[in-house]
Amino acid sequence: NARGVKSSRGGEWHATTVRNLMIRNYGA
């Protein structure tokens, strides 16, 4: 959020969106 990177839907990042991103790419 500090870097101005938007989430996939154009919103802000939250812990859960980061977690979902990590799970999508690296599994659990």
PDB file of all heavy atoms in Angstrom:
ATOM      1  N   ASN A   1       0.830  -1.212   0.000  1.00  0.00           N
ATOM      2  CA  ASN A   1       0.000   0.000   0.000  1.00  0.00           C
ATOM      3  C   ASN A   1       0.862   1.258   0.000  1.00  0.00           C
ATOM      4  O   ASN A   1       0.552   2.235  -0.691  1.00  0.00           O
ATOM      5  CB  ASN A   1      -0.954  -0.006   1.194  1.00  0.00           C
ATOM      6  CG  ASN A   1      -2.036  -1.057   1.054  1.00  0.00           C
ATOM      7  OD1 ASN A   1      -2.454  -1.387  -0.051  1.00  0.00           O
ATOM      8  ND2 ASN A   1      -2.482  -1.592   2.174  1.00  0.00           N
ATOM      9  N   ALA A   2       1.969   1.246   0.759  1.00  0.00           N
ATOM     10  CA  ALA A   2       2.861   2.406   0.800  1.00  0.00           C
ATOM     11  C   ALA A   2       3.499   2.661  -0.553  1.00  0.00           C
ATOM     12  O   ALA A   2       3.757   3.809  -0.915  1.00  0.00           O
ATOM     13  CB  ALA A   2       3.941   2.190   1.867  1.00  0.00           C
ATOM     14  N   ARG A   3       3.754   1.604  -1.296  1.00  0.00           N
ATOM     15  CA  ARG A   3       4.340   1.753  -2.640  1.00  0.00           C
ATOM     16  C   ARG A   3       3.303   2.111  -3.701  1.00  0.00           C
ATOM     17  O   ARG A   3       3.643   2.346  -4.846  1.00  0.00           O
ATOM     18  CB  ARG A   3       5.025   0.453  -3.062  1.00  0.00           C
ATOM     19  CG  ARG A   3       6.276   0.147  -2.282  1.00  0.00           C
ATOM     20  CD  ARG A   3       6.931  -1.088  -2.819  1.00  0.00           C
ATOM     21  NE  ARG A   3       8.136  -1.409  -2.076  1.00  0.00           N
ATOM     22  CZ  ARG A   3       9.118  -2.162  -2.553  1.00  0.00           C
ATOM     23  NH1 ARG A   3       9.025  -2.666  -3.772  1.00  0.00           N
ATOM     24  NH2 ARG A   3      10.173  -2.406  -1.818  1.00  0.00           N
ATOM     25  N   GLY A   4       2.031   2.109  -3.327  1.00  0.00           N
ATOM     26  CA  GLY A   4       0.973   2.455  -4.278  1.00  0.00           C
ATOM     27  C   GLY A   4       0.577   1.313  -5.194  1.00  0.00           C
ATOM     28  O   GLY A   4      -0.073   1.539  -6.214  1.00  0.00           O
ATOM     29  N   VAL A   5       0.959   0.092  -4.830  1.00  0.00           N
ATOM     30  CA  VAL A   5       0.581  -1.070  -5.628  1.00  0.00           C
ATOM     31  C   VAL A   5      -0.860  -1.414  -5.304  1.00  0.00           C
ATOM     32  O   VAL A   5      -1.217  -1.593  -4.138  1.00  0.00           O
ATOM     33  CB  VAL A   5       1.502  -2.274  -5.324  1.00  0.00           C
ATOM     34  CG1 VAL A   5       1.070  -3.500  -6.104  1.00  0.00           C
ATOM     35  CG2 VAL A   5       2.946  -1.915  -5.622  1.00  0.00           C
ATOM     36  N   LYS A   6      -1.709  -1.502  -6.311  1.00  0.00           N
ATOM     37  CA  LYS A   6      -3.117  -1.823  -6.112  1.00  0.00           C
ATOM     38  C   LYS A   6      -3.324  -3.324  -6.175  1.00  0.00           C
ATOM     39  O   LYS A   6      -2.607  -4.042  -6.875  1.00  0.00           O
ATOM     40  CB  LYS A   6      -3.986  -1.145  -7.180  1.00  0.00           C
ATOM     41  CG  LYS A   6      -3.938   0.371  -7.131  1.00  0.00           C
ATOM     42  CD  LYS A   6      -4.590   0.869  -5.875  1.00  0.00           C
ATOM     43  CE  LYS A   6      -4.606   2.384  -5.818  1.00  0.00           C
ATOM     44  NZ  LYS A   6      -5.051   2.874  -4.545  1.00  0.00           N
ATOM     45  N   SER A   7      -4.337  -3.802  -5.480  1.00  0.00           N
ATOM     46  CA  SER A   7      -4.674  -5.222  -5.523  1.00  0.00           C
ATOM     47  C   SER A   7      -5.300  -5.541  -6.881  1.00  0.00           C
ATOM     48  O   SER A   7      -5.528  -4.656  -7.709  1.00  0.00           O
ATOM     49  CB  SER A   7      -5.632  -5.571  -4.386  1.00  0.00           C
ATOM     50  OG  SER A   7      -6.895  -4.981  -4.625  1.00  0.00           O
ATOM     51  N   SER A   8      -5.614  -6.792  -7.109  1.00  0.00           N
ATOM     52  CA  SER A   8      -6.132  -7.208  -8.418  1.00  0.00           C
ATOM     53  C   SER A   8      -7.434  -6.515  -8.780  1.00  0.00           C
ATOM     54  O   SER A   8      -7.732  -6.342  -9.955  1.00  0.00           O
ATOM     55  CB  SER A   8      -6.327  -8.728  -8.458  1.00  0.00           C
ATOM     56  OG  SER A   8      -7.295  -9.115  -7.510  1.00  0.00           O
ATOM     57  N   ARG A   9      -8.183  -6.106  -7.794  1.00  0.00           N
ATOM     58  CA  ARG A   9      -9.443  -5.410  -8.066  1.00  0.00           C
ATOM     59  C   ARG A   9      -9.309  -3.898  -7.916  1.00  0.00           C
ATOM     60  O   ARG A   9     -10.299  -3.175  -7.856  1.00  0.00           O
ATOM     61  CB  ARG A   9     -10.536  -5.933  -7.149  1.00  0.00           C
ATOM     62  CG  ARG A   9     -10.859  -7.385  -7.449  1.00  0.00           C
ATOM     63  CD  ARG A   9     -12.040  -7.854  -6.690  1.00  0.00           C
ATOM     64  NE  ARG A   9     -12.292  -9.253  -6.998  1.00  0.00           N
ATOM     65  CZ  ARG A   9     -13.324  -9.918  -6.552  1.00  0.00           C
ATOM     66  NH1 ARG A   9     -14.205  -9.333  -5.784  1.00  0.00           N
ATOM     67  NH2 ARG A   9     -13.485 -11.178  -6.869  1.00  0.00           N
ATOM     68  N   GLY A  10      -8.085  -3.424  -7.804  1.00  0.00           N
ATOM     69  CA  GLY A  10      -7.848  -1.988  -7.755  1.00  0.00           C
ATOM     70  C   GLY A  10      -7.931  -1.374  -6.371  1.00  0.00           C
ATOM     71  O   GLY A  10      -7.886  -0.158  -6.241  1.00  0.00           O
ATOM     72  N   GLY A  11      -8.045  -2.200  -5.347  1.00  0.00           N
ATOM     73  CA  GLY A  11      -8.158  -1.683  -3.992  1.00  0.00           C
ATOM     74  C   GLY A  11      -6.852  -1.778  -3.234  1.00  0.00           C
ATOM     75  O   GLY A  11      -5.786  -1.986  -3.821  1.00  0.00           O
ATOM     76  N   GLU A  12      -6.956  -1.618  -1.929  1.00  0.00           N
ATOM     77  CA  GLU A  12      -5.776  -1.707  -1.074  1.00  0.00           C
ATOM     78  C   GLU A  12      -5.542  -3.152  -0.665  1.00  0.00           C
ATOM     79  O   GLU A  12      -6.434  -3.990  -0.722  1.00  0.00           O
ATOM     80  CB  GLU A  12      -5.967  -0.828   0.169  1.00  0.00           C
ATOM     81  CG  GLU A  12      -5.939   0.643  -0.154  1.00  0.00           C
ATOM     82  CD  GLU A  12      -5.798   1.488   1.093  1.00  0.00           C
ATOM     83  OE1 GLU A  12      -5.838   0.943   2.210  1.00  0.00           O
ATOM     84  OE2 GLU A  12      -5.628   2.701   0.937  1.00  0.00           O
ATOM     85  N   TRP A  13      -4.313  -3.403  -0.241  1.00  0.00           N
ATOM     86  CA  TRP A  13      -3.923  -4.734   0.213  1.00  0.00           C
ATOM     87  C   TRP A  13      -4.268  -4.902   1.678  1.00  0.00           C
ATOM     88  O   TRP A  13      -4.194  -3.956   2.458  1.00  0.00           O
ATOM     89  CB  TRP A  13      -2.426  -4.931   0.014  1.00  0.00           C
ATOM     90  CG  TRP A  13      -2.059  -5.065  -1.418  1.00  0.00           C
ATOM     91  CD1 TRP A  13      -1.729  -4.066  -2.280  1.00  0.00           C
ATOM     92  CD2 TRP A  13      -2.013  -6.274  -2.174  1.00  0.00           C
ATOM     93  NE1 TRP A  13      -1.480  -4.581  -3.522  1.00  0.00           N
ATOM     94  CE2 TRP A  13      -1.635  -5.940  -3.486  1.00  0.00           C
ATOM     95  CE3 TRP A  13      -2.243  -7.612  -1.870  1.00  0.00           C
ATOM     96  CZ2 TRP A  13      -1.494  -6.883  -4.491  1.00  0.00           C
ATOM     97  CZ3 TRP A  13      -2.100  -8.560  -2.870  1.00  0.00           C
ATOM     98  CH2 TRP A  13      -1.728  -8.191  -4.165  1.00  0.00           C
ATOM     99  N   HIS A  14      -4.637  -6.111   2.034  1.00  0.00           N
ATOM    100  CA  HIS A  14      -4.879  -6.509   3.416  1.00  0.00           C
ATOM    101  C   HIS A  14      -4.110  -7.801   3.646  1.00  0.00           C
ATOM    102  O   HIS A  14      -3.650  -8.444   2.698  1.00  0.00           O
ATOM    103  CB  HIS A  14      -6.372  -6.723   3.673  1.00  0.00           C
ATOM    104  CG  HIS A  14      -7.199  -5.515   3.362  1.00  0.00           C
ATOM    105  ND1 HIS A  14      -7.319  -4.452   4.227  1.00  0.00           N
ATOM    106  CD2 HIS A  14      -7.921  -5.198   2.264  1.00  0.00           C
ATOM    107  CE1 HIS A  14      -8.087  -3.534   3.674  1.00  0.00           C
ATOM    108  NE2 HIS A  14      -8.467  -3.955   2.483  1.00  0.00           N
ATOM    109  N   ALA A  15      -3.991  -8.184   4.893  1.00  0.00           N
ATOM    110  CA  ALA A  15      -3.260  -9.420   5.198  1.00  0.00           C
ATOM    111  C   ALA A  15      -3.854 -10.610   4.449  1.00  0.00           C
ATOM    112  O   ALA A  15      -3.124 -11.457   3.920  1.00  0.00           O
ATOM    113  CB  ALA A  15      -3.276  -9.672   6.701  1.00  0.00           C
ATOM    114  N   THR A  16      -5.173 -10.657   4.351  1.00  0.00           N
ATOM    115  CA  THR A  16      -5.805 -11.798   3.677  1.00  0.00           C
ATOM    116  C   THR A  16      -5.536 -11.804   2.179  1.00  0.00           C
ATOM    117  O   THR A  16      -5.375 -12.880   1.594  1.00  0.00           O
ATOM    118  CB  THR A  16      -7.319 -11.810   3.920  1.00  0.00           C
ATOM    119  OG1 THR A  16      -7.867 -10.549   3.539  1.00  0.00           O
ATOM    120  CG2 THR A  16      -7.651 -12.116   5.363  1.00  0.00           C
ATOM    121  N   THR A  17      -5.470 -10.635   1.542  1.00  0.00           N
ATOM    122  CA  THR A  17      -5.184 -10.626   0.107  1.00  0.00           C
ATOM    123  C   THR A  17      -3.746 -11.034  -0.159  1.00  0.00           C
ATOM    124  O   THR A  17      -3.465 -11.724  -1.140  1.00  0.00           O
ATOM    125  CB  THR A  17      -5.487  -9.246  -0.522  1.00  0.00           C
ATOM    126  OG1 THR A  17      -4.852  -8.222   0.229  1.00  0.00           O
ATOM    127  CG2 THR A  17      -6.977  -8.987  -0.601  1.00  0.00           C
ATOM    128  N   VAL A  18      -2.829 -10.645   0.726  1.00  0.00           N
ATOM    129  CA  VAL A  18      -1.432 -11.089   0.589  1.00  0.00           C
ATOM    130  C   VAL A  18      -1.366 -12.594   0.796  1.00  0.00           C
ATOM    131  O   VAL A  18      -0.709 -13.311   0.039  1.00  0.00           O
ATOM    132  CB  VAL A  18      -0.512 -10.354   1.582  1.00  0.00           C
ATOM    133  CG1 VAL A  18       0.884 -10.953   1.565  1.00  0.00           C
ATOM    134  CG2 VAL A  18      -0.462  -8.870   1.262  1.00  0.00           C
ATOM    135  N   ARG A  19      -2.052 -13.089   1.822  1.00  0.00           N
ATOM    136  CA  ARG A  19      -2.074 -14.525   2.094  1.00  0.00           C
ATOM    137  C   ARG A  19      -2.606 -15.291   0.887  1.00  0.00           C
ATOM    138  O   ARG A  19      -2.022 -16.295   0.470  1.00  0.00           O
ATOM    139  CB  ARG A  19      -2.956 -14.805   3.317  1.00  0.00           C
ATOM    140  CG  ARG A  19      -3.091 -16.265   3.652  1.00  0.00           C
ATOM    141  CD  ARG A  19      -4.094 -16.456   4.810  1.00  0.00           C
ATOM    142  NE  ARG A  19      -4.512 -17.824   4.873  1.00  0.00           N
ATOM    143  CZ  ARG A  19      -5.510 -18.351   4.166  1.00  0.00           C
ATOM    144  NH1 ARG A  19      -6.206 -17.610   3.341  1.00  0.00           N
ATOM    145  NH2 ARG A  19      -5.832 -19.629   4.299  1.00  0.00           N
ATOM    146  N   ASN A  20      -3.714 -14.826   0.298  1.00  0.00           N
ATOM    147  CA  ASN A  20      -4.282 -15.504  -0.871  1.00  0.00           C
ATOM    148  C   ASN A  20      -3.303 -15.501  -2.042  1.00  0.00           C
ATOM    149  O   ASN A  20      -3.196 -16.487  -2.775  1.00  0.00           O
ATOM    150  CB  ASN A  20      -5.603 -14.852  -1.278  1.00  0.00           C
ATOM    151  CG  ASN A  20      -6.683 -15.054  -0.247  1.00  0.00           C
ATOM    152  OD1 ASN A  20      -6.596 -15.939   0.591  1.00  0.00           O
ATOM    153  ND2 ASN A  20      -7.703 -14.217  -0.303  1.00  0.00           N
ATOM    154  N   LEU A  21      -2.598 -14.395  -2.224  1.00  0.00           N
ATOM    155  CA  LEU A  21      -1.597 -14.302  -3.283  1.00  0.00           C
ATOM    156  C   LEU A  21      -0.496 -15.338  -3.064  1.00  0.00           C
ATOM    157  O   LEU A  21      -0.092 -16.040  -3.997  1.00  0.00           O
ATOM    158  CB  LEU A  21      -1.000 -12.894  -3.319  1.00  0.00           C
ATOM    159  CG  LEU A  21       0.137 -12.665  -4.305  1.00  0.00           C
ATOM    160  CD1 LEU A  21      -0.420 -12.513  -5.706  1.00  0.00           C
ATOM    161  CD2 LEU A  21       0.933 -11.448  -3.915  1.00  0.00           C
ATOM    162  N   MET A  22      -0.027 -15.435  -1.840  1.00  0.00           N
ATOM    163  CA  MET A  22       1.054 -16.376  -1.529  1.00  0.00           C
ATOM    164  C   MET A  22       0.589 -17.820  -1.687  1.00  0.00           C
ATOM    165  O   MET A  22       1.313 -18.660  -2.227  1.00  0.00           O
ATOM    166  CB  MET A  22       1.565 -16.141  -0.112  1.00  0.00           C
ATOM    167  CG  MET A  22       2.076 -14.729   0.122  1.00  0.00           C
ATOM    168  SD  MET A  22       3.449 -14.297  -0.911  1.00  0.00           S
ATOM    169  CE  MET A  22       4.755 -14.655   0.212  1.00  0.00           C
ATOM    170  N   ILE A  23      -0.613 -18.106  -1.237  1.00  0.00           N
ATOM    171  CA  ILE A  23      -1.141 -19.476  -1.380  1.00  0.00           C
ATOM    172  C   ILE A  23      -1.311 -19.824  -2.848  1.00  0.00           C
ATOM    173  O   ILE A  23      -1.003 -20.943  -3.272  1.00  0.00           O
ATOM    174  CB  ILE A  23      -2.470 -19.630  -0.602  1.00  0.00           C
ATOM    175  CG1 ILE A  23      -2.179 -19.625   0.896  1.00  0.00           C
ATOM    176  CG2 ILE A  23      -3.199 -20.888  -1.004  1.00  0.00           C
ATOM    177  CD1 ILE A  23      -3.410 -19.600   1.756  1.00  0.00           C
ATOM    178  N   ARG A  24      -1.804 -18.883  -3.645  1.00  0.00           N
ATOM    179  CA  ARG A  24      -2.004 -19.134  -5.068  1.00  0.00           C
ATOM    180  C   ARG A  24      -0.683 -19.517  -5.741  1.00  0.00           C
ATOM    181  O   ARG A  24      -0.645 -20.366  -6.616  1.00  0.00           O
ATOM    182  CB  ARG A  24      -2.592 -17.902  -5.756  1.00  0.00           C
ATOM    183  CG  ARG A  24      -2.625 -18.011  -7.280  1.00  0.00           C
ATOM    184  CD  ARG A  24      -3.319 -16.854  -7.927  1.00  0.00           C
ATOM    185  NE  ARG A  24      -4.726 -16.806  -7.634  1.00  0.00           N
ATOM    186  CZ  ARG A  24      -5.651 -17.630  -8.143  1.00  0.00           C
ATOM    187  NH1 ARG A  24      -5.275 -18.583  -8.954  1.00  0.00           N
ATOM    188  NH2 ARG A  24      -6.908 -17.517  -7.844  1.00  0.00           N
ATOM    189  N   ASN A  25       0.397 -18.890  -5.322  1.00  0.00           N
ATOM    190  CA  ASN A  25       1.663 -19.097  -6.010  1.00  0.00           C
ATOM    191  C   ASN A  25       2.564 -20.137  -5.370  1.00  0.00           C
ATOM    192  O   ASN A  25       3.407 -20.711  -6.038  1.00  0.00           O
ATOM    193  CB  ASN A  25       2.415 -17.770  -6.114  1.00  0.00           C
ATOM    194  CG  ASN A  25       1.753 -16.881  -7.128  1.00  0.00           C
ATOM    195  OD1 ASN A  25       1.906 -17.093  -8.302  1.00  0.00           O
ATOM    196  ND2 ASN A  25       0.969 -15.932  -6.663  1.00  0.00           N
ATOM    197  N   TYR A  26       2.410 -20.367  -4.070  1.00  0.00           N
ATOM    198  CA  TYR A  26       3.347 -21.262  -3.393  1.00  0.00           C
ATOM    199  C   TYR A  26       2.654 -22.357  -2.586  1.00  0.00           C
ATOM    200  O   TYR A  26       3.291 -23.021  -1.789  1.00  0.00           O
ATOM    201  CB  TYR A  26       4.272 -20.454  -2.471  1.00  0.00           C
ATOM    202  CG  TYR A  26       5.050 -19.439  -3.241  1.00  0.00           C
ATOM    203  CD1 TYR A  26       4.726 -18.098  -3.158  1.00  0.00           C
ATOM    204  CD2 TYR A  26       6.064 -19.833  -4.096  1.00  0.00           C
ATOM    205  CE1 TYR A  26       5.439 -17.163  -3.895  1.00  0.00           C
ATOM    206  CE2 TYR A  26       6.777 -18.906  -4.832  1.00  0.00           C
ATOM    207  CZ  TYR A  26       6.448 -17.570  -4.729  1.00  0.00           C
ATOM    208  OH  TYR A  26       7.126 -16.651  -5.457  1.00  0.00           O
ATOM    209  N   GLY A  27       1.353 -22.491  -2.722  1.00  0.00           N
ATOM    210  CA  GLY A  27       0.646 -23.462  -1.907  1.00  0.00           C
ATOM    211  C   GLY A  27       0.500 -22.934  -0.493  1.00  0.00           C
ATOM    212  O   GLY A  27       0.606 -21.746  -0.249  1.00  0.00           O
ATOM    213  N   ALA A  28       0.275 -23.786   0.440  1.00  0.00           N
ATOM    214  CA  ALA A  28       0.098 -23.364   1.833  1.00  0.00           C
ATOM    215  C   ALA A  28       1.367 -22.702   2.336  1.00  0.00           C
ATOM    216  O   ALA A  28       2.439 -23.265   2.259  1.00  0.00           O
ATOM    217  CB  ALA A  28      -0.245 -24.558   2.704  1.00  0.00           C
TER     218      ALA A  28
END
